[in-house]
Amino acid sequence: MKDRIAEIISYKGLTASRFADIIDIQRSRISHIMSGRNNPSIEVVTHIIEKFPEINLNWLMTGNGEMLGNQPDMLDFSKPDEPKREVSSQKQPESNPYKHLAGSKDIDRIIVFYKDDSFKEYRPE
């Protein structure tokens, strides 16, 4: 998994330290992961997916599939013999104009990171 994390860091144009800051973990933790000393914990994986939702969790965990990909909004845990629940196709009122960017999740904020390590934060009203 450390190679896939390195690929994300490279793809995003970040340093390992900046990546650790963004995903809100100690810099030493990412250093230990990248050196092979420690394996990433589920907490680290969760932080990565929370901060970079475009990353395919299956790819991150297993290496299968593409790094970036559409992920289902909901995992299907129904038993094969159970009828599947129908999802209403009726549109709900759009409370968040950026909702289409995050699928079914409400956006709290959008942060744009620039290559000079500066950033700008936007919050939907």
N, C-alpha and C. Protein backbone atom coordinates (compact mmCIF):
# COMPACT_ATOMS: atom_id res chain seq x y z
N MET A 1 0.81 -1.19 0.00
CA MET A 1 0.00 0.00 0.00
C MET A 1 0.87 1.27 0.00
N LYS A 2 2.08 1.17 0.52
CA LYS A 2 2.93 2.36 0.56
C LYS A 2 3.22 2.88 -0.84
N ASP A 3 3.34 1.98 -1.82
CA ASP A 3 3.58 2.41 -3.20
C ASP A 3 2.38 3.17 -3.75
N ARG A 4 1.17 2.75 -3.37
CA ARG A 4 -0.03 3.45 -3.84
C ARG A 4 -0.16 4.81 -3.15
N ILE A 5 0.22 4.88 -1.89
CA ILE A 5 0.22 6.18 -1.21
C ILE A 5 1.25 7.10 -1.86
N ALA A 6 2.41 6.55 -2.20
CA ALA A 6 3.43 7.34 -2.90
C ALA A 6 2.89 7.83 -4.24
N GLU A 7 2.11 6.99 -4.91
CA GLU A 7 1.52 7.39 -6.20
C GLU A 7 0.53 8.54 -6.02
N ILE A 8 -0.26 8.50 -4.95
CA ILE A 8 -1.20 9.60 -4.67
C ILE A 8 -0.41 10.88 -4.41
N ILE A 9 0.62 10.79 -3.60
CA ILE A 9 1.44 11.96 -3.26
C ILE A 9 2.03 12.56 -4.53
N SER A 10 2.55 11.71 -5.39
CA SER A 10 3.14 12.18 -6.65
C SER A 10 2.07 12.78 -7.56
N TYR A 11 0.93 12.11 -7.68
CA TYR A 11 -0.16 12.58 -8.53
C TYR A 11 -0.65 13.96 -8.09
N LYS A 12 -0.70 14.17 -6.77
CA LYS A 12 -1.17 15.45 -6.24
C LYS A 12 -0.07 16.51 -6.23
N GLY A 13 1.17 16.12 -6.54
CA GLY A 13 2.26 17.08 -6.57
C GLY A 13 2.65 17.57 -5.19
N LEU A 14 2.57 16.69 -4.21
CA LEU A 14 2.84 17.05 -2.82
C LEU A 14 4.13 16.44 -2.33
N THR A 15 4.62 16.96 -1.25
CA THR A 15 5.68 16.28 -0.51
C THR A 15 4.99 15.37 0.50
N ALA A 16 5.73 14.42 1.04
CA ALA A 16 5.16 13.52 2.05
C ALA A 16 4.72 14.33 3.28
N SER A 17 5.49 15.33 3.64
CA SER A 17 5.13 16.16 4.80
C SER A 17 3.84 16.93 4.56
N ARG A 18 3.71 17.51 3.38
CA ARG A 18 2.49 18.27 3.05
C ARG A 18 1.29 17.32 3.01
N PHE A 19 1.48 16.12 2.47
CA PHE A 19 0.42 15.12 2.42
C PHE A 19 -0.03 14.78 3.84
N ALA A 20 0.91 14.57 4.74
CA ALA A 20 0.58 14.27 6.14
C ALA A 20 -0.23 15.41 6.75
N ASP A 21 0.17 16.64 6.47
CA ASP A 21 -0.56 17.79 7.00
C ASP A 21 -2.00 17.81 6.47
N ILE A 22 -2.15 17.55 5.18
CA ILE A 22 -3.48 17.60 4.56
C ILE A 22 -4.39 16.52 5.14
N ILE A 23 -3.86 15.31 5.31
CA ILE A 23 -4.72 14.24 5.81
C ILE A 23 -4.76 14.22 7.33
N ASP A 24 -4.10 15.19 7.94
CA ASP A 24 -4.16 15.41 9.37
C ASP A 24 -3.61 14.24 10.19
N ILE A 25 -2.40 13.81 9.81
CA ILE A 25 -1.68 12.83 10.62
C ILE A 25 -0.29 13.38 10.88
N GLN A 26 0.39 12.83 11.86
CA GLN A 26 1.74 13.29 12.16
C GLN A 26 2.67 12.98 10.99
N ARG A 27 3.57 13.88 10.73
CA ARG A 27 4.53 13.70 9.64
C ARG A 27 5.36 12.43 9.84
N SER A 28 5.68 12.12 11.09
CA SER A 28 6.48 10.93 11.36
C SER A 28 5.73 9.65 10.95
N ARG A 29 4.39 9.66 11.07
CA ARG A 29 3.61 8.47 10.68
C ARG A 29 3.75 8.21 9.19
N ILE A 30 3.66 9.27 8.38
CA ILE A 30 3.77 9.06 6.93
C ILE A 30 5.21 8.69 6.58
N SER A 31 6.17 9.24 7.30
CA SER A 31 7.57 8.88 7.08
C SER A 31 7.79 7.40 7.36
N HIS A 32 7.23 6.91 8.45
CA HIS A 32 7.37 5.49 8.80
C HIS A 32 6.66 4.59 7.80
N ILE A 33 5.53 5.04 7.28
CA ILE A 33 4.82 4.26 6.26
C ILE A 33 5.64 4.22 4.98
N MET A 34 6.16 5.37 4.55
CA MET A 34 6.90 5.44 3.29
C MET A 34 8.22 4.68 3.36
N SER A 35 8.81 4.59 4.54
CA SER A 35 10.07 3.86 4.67
C SER A 35 9.84 2.35 4.80
N GLY A 36 8.58 1.96 5.01
CA GLY A 36 8.27 0.53 5.17
C GLY A 36 8.34 0.08 6.61
N ARG A 37 8.66 0.98 7.51
CA ARG A 37 8.74 0.62 8.93
C ARG A 37 7.38 0.20 9.48
N ASN A 38 6.32 0.95 9.11
CA ASN A 38 4.96 0.66 9.57
C ASN A 38 4.03 0.52 8.37
N ASN A 39 2.99 -0.26 8.56
CA ASN A 39 1.92 -0.32 7.56
C ASN A 39 0.87 0.73 7.91
N PRO A 40 0.17 1.25 6.92
CA PRO A 40 -0.87 2.24 7.22
C PRO A 40 -2.00 1.61 8.03
N SER A 41 -2.49 2.33 9.01
CA SER A 41 -3.63 1.86 9.80
C SER A 41 -4.92 2.20 9.07
N ILE A 42 -6.01 1.64 9.54
CA ILE A 42 -7.32 1.97 8.97
C ILE A 42 -7.61 3.45 9.17
N GLU A 43 -7.09 4.03 10.25
CA GLU A 43 -7.26 5.47 10.50
C GLU A 43 -6.60 6.28 9.39
N VAL A 44 -5.40 5.90 8.98
CA VAL A 44 -4.70 6.61 7.91
C VAL A 44 -5.48 6.48 6.61
N VAL A 45 -5.93 5.27 6.30
CA VAL A 45 -6.71 5.05 5.07
C VAL A 45 -7.97 5.91 5.10
N THR A 46 -8.65 5.94 6.24
CA THR A 46 -9.86 6.75 6.37
C THR A 46 -9.57 8.22 6.13
N HIS A 47 -8.48 8.71 6.70
CA HIS A 47 -8.10 10.12 6.50
C HIS A 47 -7.83 10.40 5.02
N ILE A 48 -7.16 9.48 4.34
CA ILE A 48 -6.86 9.67 2.92
C ILE A 48 -8.16 9.78 2.12
N ILE A 49 -9.08 8.84 2.35
CA ILE A 49 -10.33 8.83 1.59
C ILE A 49 -11.20 10.04 1.93
N GLU A 50 -11.17 10.49 3.17
CA GLU A 50 -11.94 11.67 3.55
C GLU A 50 -11.42 12.93 2.85
N LYS A 51 -10.10 13.06 2.77
CA LYS A 51 -9.51 14.26 2.17
C LYS A 51 -9.42 14.18 0.65
N PHE A 52 -9.37 12.96 0.12
CA PHE A 52 -9.27 12.76 -1.33
C PHE A 52 -10.34 11.76 -1.77
N PRO A 53 -11.61 12.17 -1.77
CA PRO A 53 -12.69 11.22 -2.07
C PRO A 53 -12.66 10.68 -3.51
N GLU A 54 -11.89 11.30 -4.37
CA GLU A 54 -11.79 10.79 -5.75
C GLU A 54 -10.92 9.55 -5.84
N ILE A 55 -10.17 9.24 -4.78
CA ILE A 55 -9.33 8.04 -4.77
C ILE A 55 -10.21 6.82 -4.58
N ASN A 56 -10.00 5.84 -5.41
CA ASN A 56 -10.76 4.60 -5.36
C ASN A 56 -10.27 3.78 -4.16
N LEU A 57 -11.16 3.57 -3.20
CA LEU A 57 -10.79 2.84 -1.98
C LEU A 57 -10.33 1.43 -2.30
N ASN A 58 -10.98 0.77 -3.22
CA ASN A 58 -10.58 -0.59 -3.60
C ASN A 58 -9.15 -0.59 -4.13
N TRP A 59 -8.83 0.38 -4.96
CA TRP A 59 -7.46 0.48 -5.49
C TRP A 59 -6.47 0.73 -4.35
N LEU A 60 -6.81 1.66 -3.45
CA LEU A 60 -5.90 1.98 -2.36
C LEU A 60 -5.64 0.75 -1.49
N MET A 61 -6.68 -0.01 -1.20
CA MET A 61 -6.54 -1.16 -0.30
C MET A 61 -5.91 -2.37 -0.98
N THR A 62 -6.28 -2.62 -2.25
CA THR A 62 -5.87 -3.87 -2.90
C THR A 62 -4.97 -3.70 -4.11
N GLY A 63 -4.97 -2.52 -4.70
CA GLY A 63 -4.24 -2.32 -5.94
C GLY A 63 -5.05 -2.67 -7.17
N ASN A 64 -6.27 -3.14 -6.98
CA ASN A 64 -7.14 -3.51 -8.11
C ASN A 64 -7.90 -2.28 -8.60
N GLY A 65 -8.07 -2.19 -9.89
CA GLY A 65 -8.81 -1.08 -10.48
C GLY A 65 -7.91 0.12 -10.73
N GLU A 66 -8.55 1.25 -10.89
CA GLU A 66 -7.84 2.50 -11.19
C GLU A 66 -7.73 3.35 -9.94
N MET A 67 -6.71 4.20 -9.89
CA MET A 67 -6.53 5.08 -8.74
C MET A 67 -7.73 6.01 -8.57
N LEU A 68 -8.14 6.60 -9.66
CA LEU A 68 -9.30 7.49 -9.63
C LEU A 68 -10.47 6.73 -10.21
N GLY A 69 -11.59 6.85 -9.58
CA GLY A 69 -12.72 6.14 -10.14
C GLY A 69 -14.00 6.46 -9.42
N ASN A 70 -15.09 6.16 -10.12
CA ASN A 70 -16.40 6.32 -9.51
C ASN A 70 -16.59 5.23 -8.48
N GLN A 71 -16.95 5.66 -7.30
CA GLN A 71 -17.21 4.70 -6.24
C GLN A 71 -18.70 4.70 -5.97
N PRO A 72 -19.26 3.56 -5.66
CA PRO A 72 -20.69 3.53 -5.38
C PRO A 72 -20.99 4.38 -4.15
N ASP A 73 -22.17 5.02 -4.17
CA ASP A 73 -22.58 5.82 -3.02
C ASP A 73 -22.81 4.95 -1.80
N MET A 74 -23.21 3.70 -2.03
CA MET A 74 -23.54 2.83 -0.93
C MET A 74 -23.09 1.42 -1.27
N LEU A 75 -22.50 0.75 -0.33
CA LEU A 75 -22.13 -0.65 -0.54
C LEU A 75 -23.37 -1.50 -0.36
N ASP A 76 -23.49 -2.54 -1.13
CA ASP A 76 -24.66 -3.41 -1.09
C ASP A 76 -24.35 -4.61 -0.20
N PHE A 77 -24.93 -4.63 1.00
CA PHE A 77 -24.72 -5.72 1.93
C PHE A 77 -25.92 -6.65 1.99
N SER A 78 -26.84 -6.53 1.04
CA SER A 78 -28.00 -7.40 1.07
C SER A 78 -27.59 -8.82 0.69
N LYS A 79 -28.34 -9.76 1.19
CA LYS A 79 -28.08 -11.16 0.86
C LYS A 79 -28.61 -11.40 -0.55
N PRO A 80 -28.02 -12.35 -1.29
CA PRO A 80 -28.45 -12.57 -2.66
C PRO A 80 -29.95 -12.87 -2.80
N ASP A 81 -30.57 -13.51 -1.79
CA ASP A 81 -31.97 -13.87 -1.91
C ASP A 81 -32.92 -12.78 -1.38
N GLU A 82 -32.37 -11.69 -0.84
CA GLU A 82 -33.20 -10.59 -0.35
C GLU A 82 -33.56 -9.66 -1.51
N PRO A 83 -34.80 -9.21 -1.54
CA PRO A 83 -35.13 -8.22 -2.58
C PRO A 83 -34.40 -6.91 -2.28
N LYS A 84 -33.95 -6.24 -3.31
CA LYS A 84 -33.24 -4.99 -3.13
C LYS A 84 -34.25 -3.86 -2.96
N ARG A 85 -33.90 -2.91 -2.08
CA ARG A 85 -34.77 -1.76 -1.88
C ARG A 85 -34.68 -0.85 -3.09
N GLU A 86 -35.81 -0.30 -3.46
CA GLU A 86 -35.81 0.63 -4.58
C GLU A 86 -35.46 2.02 -4.07
N VAL A 87 -34.65 2.70 -4.84
CA VAL A 87 -34.25 4.06 -4.49
C VAL A 87 -35.16 5.01 -5.23
N SER A 88 -35.69 5.98 -4.52
CA SER A 88 -36.58 6.95 -5.13
C SER A 88 -35.83 7.78 -6.15
N SER A 89 -36.41 7.94 -7.31
CA SER A 89 -35.77 8.75 -8.35
C SER A 89 -36.26 10.19 -8.29
N GLN A 90 -37.10 10.48 -7.29
CA GLN A 90 -37.61 11.82 -7.14
C GLN A 90 -36.51 12.73 -6.64
N LYS A 91 -36.30 13.85 -7.33
CA LYS A 91 -35.22 14.77 -6.95
C LYS A 91 -35.59 15.54 -5.71
N GLN A 92 -34.63 15.65 -4.79
CA GLN A 92 -34.79 16.45 -3.59
C GLN A 92 -34.37 17.88 -3.92
N PRO A 93 -34.90 18.85 -3.19
CA PRO A 93 -34.47 20.23 -3.43
C PRO A 93 -32.96 20.36 -3.20
N GLU A 94 -32.32 21.11 -4.05
CA GLU A 94 -30.86 21.29 -3.99
C GLU A 94 -30.54 22.30 -2.90
N SER A 95 -30.04 21.82 -1.74
CA SER A 95 -29.71 22.71 -0.64
C SER A 95 -28.27 23.20 -0.76
N ASN A 96 -27.44 22.46 -1.47
CA ASN A 96 -26.03 22.79 -1.58
C ASN A 96 -25.68 22.84 -3.07
N PRO A 97 -25.30 23.98 -3.61
CA PRO A 97 -25.03 24.07 -5.04
C PRO A 97 -23.82 23.25 -5.50
N TYR A 98 -22.98 22.81 -4.56
CA TYR A 98 -21.80 22.02 -4.91
C TYR A 98 -22.03 20.53 -4.71
N LYS A 99 -23.24 20.12 -4.39
CA LYS A 99 -23.53 18.74 -4.04
C LYS A 99 -23.16 17.78 -5.18
N HIS A 100 -23.30 18.20 -6.42
CA HIS A 100 -22.97 17.33 -7.55
C HIS A 100 -21.49 16.93 -7.55
N LEU A 101 -20.65 17.70 -6.89
CA LEU A 101 -19.24 17.37 -6.81
C LEU A 101 -18.96 16.25 -5.84
N ALA A 102 -19.83 16.05 -4.86
CA ALA A 102 -19.57 15.09 -3.80
C ALA A 102 -20.58 13.94 -3.78
N GLY A 103 -21.40 13.81 -4.80
CA GLY A 103 -22.38 12.74 -4.81
C GLY A 103 -23.43 12.99 -3.76
N SER A 104 -23.64 12.04 -2.87
CA SER A 104 -24.70 12.15 -1.87
C SER A 104 -24.25 12.85 -0.60
N LYS A 105 -23.00 13.25 -0.53
CA LYS A 105 -22.49 13.87 0.69
C LYS A 105 -22.64 15.39 0.62
N ASP A 106 -22.87 16.01 1.79
CA ASP A 106 -22.91 17.46 1.87
C ASP A 106 -21.49 17.98 1.98
N ILE A 107 -21.19 19.04 1.26
CA ILE A 107 -19.85 19.62 1.29
C ILE A 107 -19.78 20.64 2.41
N ASP A 108 -18.77 20.49 3.25
CA ASP A 108 -18.53 21.43 4.33
C ASP A 108 -17.66 22.58 3.83
N ARG A 109 -16.63 22.24 3.06
CA ARG A 109 -15.72 23.25 2.54
C ARG A 109 -14.96 22.69 1.36
N ILE A 110 -14.44 23.60 0.56
CA ILE A 110 -13.58 23.25 -0.58
C ILE A 110 -12.27 23.98 -0.36
N ILE A 111 -11.18 23.24 -0.44
CA ILE A 111 -9.87 23.85 -0.26
C ILE A 111 -9.09 23.64 -1.55
N VAL A 112 -8.58 24.73 -2.10
CA VAL A 112 -7.76 24.67 -3.31
C VAL A 112 -6.32 24.86 -2.88
N PHE A 113 -5.48 23.88 -3.23
CA PHE A 113 -4.07 23.95 -2.90
C PHE A 113 -3.29 24.35 -4.15
N TYR A 114 -2.42 25.33 -3.99
CA TYR A 114 -1.60 25.79 -5.10
C TYR A 114 -0.20 25.20 -4.99
N LYS A 115 0.50 25.14 -6.10
CA LYS A 115 1.82 24.52 -6.13
C LYS A 115 2.85 25.26 -5.26
N ASP A 116 2.57 26.52 -4.93
CA ASP A 116 3.50 27.25 -4.06
C ASP A 116 3.20 27.00 -2.58
N ASP A 117 2.42 25.94 -2.29
CA ASP A 117 2.02 25.54 -0.94
C ASP A 117 1.05 26.50 -0.26
N SER A 118 0.52 27.45 -1.01
CA SER A 118 -0.54 28.28 -0.45
C SER A 118 -1.88 27.60 -0.75
N PHE A 119 -2.93 28.07 -0.11
CA PHE A 119 -4.25 27.49 -0.35
C PHE A 119 -5.32 28.52 -0.10
N LYS A 120 -6.52 28.23 -0.61
CA LYS A 120 -7.67 29.08 -0.37
C LYS A 120 -8.84 28.17 -0.02
N GLU A 121 -9.59 28.57 0.99
CA GLU A 121 -10.71 27.76 1.46
C GLU A 121 -12.03 28.45 1.11
N TYR A 122 -12.96 27.66 0.58
CA TYR A 122 -14.29 28.16 0.24
C TYR A 122 -15.30 27.35 1.03
N ARG A 123 -16.33 28.00 1.54
CA ARG A 123 -17.41 27.32 2.25
C ARG A 123 -18.73 27.66 1.57
N PRO A 124 -19.53 26.62 1.24
CA PRO A 124 -20.86 26.89 0.67
C PRO A 124 -21.71 27.66 1.68
N GLU A 125 -22.54 28.52 1.17
CA GLU A 125 -23.38 29.31 2.08
C GLU A 125 -24.63 28.58 2.45
